[in-house]
Amino acid sequence: MVLTLTENASLQIKEMMKAEETKNIRLRFGVKGGGCSGLSYSIGFDEELNEELDLVEVINGIPVVIHKPDIPVIQGTTIDFKQNLMGGGFTIDNPNAILSCGCGSSFRTKETVGAPEKC
């Protein structure tokens, strides 16, 4: 498996999927250029699938779509959901990240090239 969803993350994602009007949605996780450290995570629901460029893994009963070129950057990542007094949110633990922005949504790997944006 490319990534892991914790039990808390899986429960939250399943609840969010129930609220969606579309029945054939999948969780899409990947990266995009930009952010303070050079790359940012991309996570959301998607109906579209590119059979040539997308990998679909079923993790804890959730269909997860990963853009194949992103796999080396996110291999081994764990997505969790943490609840606290201020609310809750997803956290991402990526063993490939060597530098992360203070907000945790932007990161850099040793293979990442290019200049980071200002926060």
Protein backbone atom coordinates (compact mmCIF):
# COMPACT_ATOMS: atom_id res chain seq x y z
CA MET A 1 0.00 0.00 0.00
CA VAL A 2 1.13 3.50 -0.79
CA LEU A 3 -0.47 5.10 2.24
CA THR A 4 -2.24 4.31 5.50
CA LEU A 5 -5.49 5.71 6.86
CA THR A 6 -5.83 5.43 10.62
CA GLU A 7 -9.11 4.25 12.12
CA ASN A 8 -10.01 7.82 13.14
CA ALA A 9 -9.29 9.15 9.65
CA SER A 10 -11.27 6.33 8.04
CA LEU A 11 -14.30 6.97 10.24
CA GLN A 12 -14.22 10.71 9.47
CA ILE A 13 -13.81 10.15 5.72
CA LYS A 14 -16.69 7.65 5.65
CA GLU A 15 -18.94 10.18 7.43
CA MET A 16 -17.95 12.87 4.94
CA MET A 17 -18.59 10.52 2.01
CA LYS A 18 -22.11 9.82 3.30
CA ALA A 19 -22.84 13.55 3.13
CA GLU A 20 -21.84 13.73 -0.55
CA GLU A 21 -24.65 13.66 -3.11
CA THR A 22 -22.66 11.61 -5.61
CA LYS A 23 -22.48 7.88 -4.95
CA ASN A 24 -19.40 7.01 -7.04
CA ILE A 25 -16.93 9.24 -5.26
CA ARG A 26 -13.45 8.29 -4.21
CA LEU A 27 -10.93 9.96 -1.94
CA ARG A 28 -8.13 11.48 -4.02
CA PHE A 29 -4.80 12.11 -2.32
CA GLY A 30 -1.67 13.53 -3.87
CA VAL A 31 0.65 16.50 -4.12
CA LYS A 32 0.84 19.67 -6.15
CA GLY A 33 3.55 22.24 -6.62
CA GLY A 34 3.52 25.29 -4.40
CA GLY A 35 3.35 26.20 -0.77
CA CYS A 36 6.02 27.51 1.59
CA SER A 37 8.22 24.44 1.29
CA GLY A 38 7.75 23.59 -2.39
CA LEU A 39 4.96 20.96 -2.42
CA SER A 40 1.46 20.93 -0.94
CA TYR A 41 -0.86 18.04 -0.21
CA SER A 42 -4.03 17.68 -2.22
CA ILE A 43 -6.92 15.79 -0.65
CA GLY A 44 -10.58 15.68 -1.61
CA PHE A 45 -13.34 13.69 -3.21
CA ASP A 46 -13.37 12.94 -6.92
CA GLU A 47 -15.55 11.06 -9.39
CA GLU A 48 -13.04 11.16 -12.23
CA LEU A 49 -10.51 8.43 -12.84
CA ASN A 50 -7.68 8.29 -15.36
CA GLU A 51 -7.05 4.57 -15.75
CA GLU A 52 -3.59 5.21 -17.19
CA LEU A 53 -2.30 7.66 -14.56
CA ASP A 54 -4.31 6.82 -11.42
CA LEU A 55 -3.88 3.99 -8.94
CA VAL A 56 -6.93 2.97 -6.89
CA GLU A 57 -6.38 1.29 -3.53
CA VAL A 58 -9.18 0.30 -1.17
CA ILE A 59 -8.03 1.23 2.33
CA ASN A 60 -10.33 0.39 5.27
CA GLY A 61 -13.23 0.13 2.83
CA ILE A 62 -12.50 3.53 1.24
CA PRO A 63 -11.54 3.75 -2.44
CA VAL A 64 -8.47 5.99 -2.58
CA VAL A 65 -7.14 7.41 -5.86
CA ILE A 66 -3.46 8.28 -6.11
CA HIS A 67 -1.88 9.92 -9.16
CA LYS A 68 0.89 7.44 -10.07
CA PRO A 69 3.63 10.10 -10.50
CA ASP A 70 3.00 11.19 -6.86
CA ILE A 71 3.74 7.73 -5.42
CA PRO A 72 7.49 8.24 -4.79
CA VAL A 73 6.75 11.44 -2.85
CA ILE A 74 3.94 10.03 -0.67
CA GLN A 75 4.96 6.36 -0.29
CA GLY A 76 4.55 5.35 3.37
CA THR A 77 2.41 8.36 4.35
CA THR A 78 -0.11 8.03 7.19
CA ILE A 79 -3.26 10.16 7.33
CA ASP A 80 -4.89 10.58 10.73
CA PHE A 81 -7.76 12.63 12.13
CA LYS A 82 -7.30 14.38 15.46
CA GLN A 83 -10.10 15.87 17.53
CA ASN A 84 -9.43 18.58 20.16
CA LEU A 85 -11.24 21.39 21.95
CA MET A 86 -10.83 23.68 18.95
CA GLY A 87 -12.35 21.17 16.54
CA GLY A 88 -10.68 18.53 14.45
CA GLY A 89 -8.57 18.06 11.41
CA PHE A 90 -6.56 15.67 9.33
CA THR A 91 -2.85 15.27 9.97
CA ILE A 92 -0.37 13.89 7.48
CA ASP A 93 2.82 12.08 8.45
CA ASN A 94 5.03 11.70 5.39
CA PRO A 95 8.34 9.89 5.98
CA ASN A 96 9.68 11.35 2.72
CA ALA A 97 9.35 14.95 3.91
CA ILE A 98 12.65 16.43 5.07
CA LEU A 99 11.24 19.94 5.65
CA SER A 100 7.71 21.05 6.49
CA CYS A 101 6.05 24.42 6.74
CA GLY A 102 4.85 25.50 10.18
CA CYS A 103 1.24 24.86 9.16
CA GLY A 104 2.09 21.30 8.08
CA SER A 105 0.38 21.48 4.70
CA SER A 106 3.51 22.21 2.70
CA PHE A 107 6.66 20.10 2.55
CA ARG A 108 9.85 19.34 0.69
CA THR A 109 11.58 16.04 -0.09
CA LYS A 110 15.25 15.61 -0.91
CA GLU A 111 14.23 15.14 -4.56
CA THR A 112 12.09 18.30 -4.66
CA VAL A 113 13.54 21.01 -6.83
CA GLY A 114 12.53 24.61 -7.26
CA ALA A 115 12.18 27.55 -4.96
CA PRO A 116 9.53 27.53 -2.26
CA GLU A 117 6.89 30.27 -2.11
CA LYS A 118 6.70 32.71 0.76
CA CYS A 119 4.16 31.87 3.48
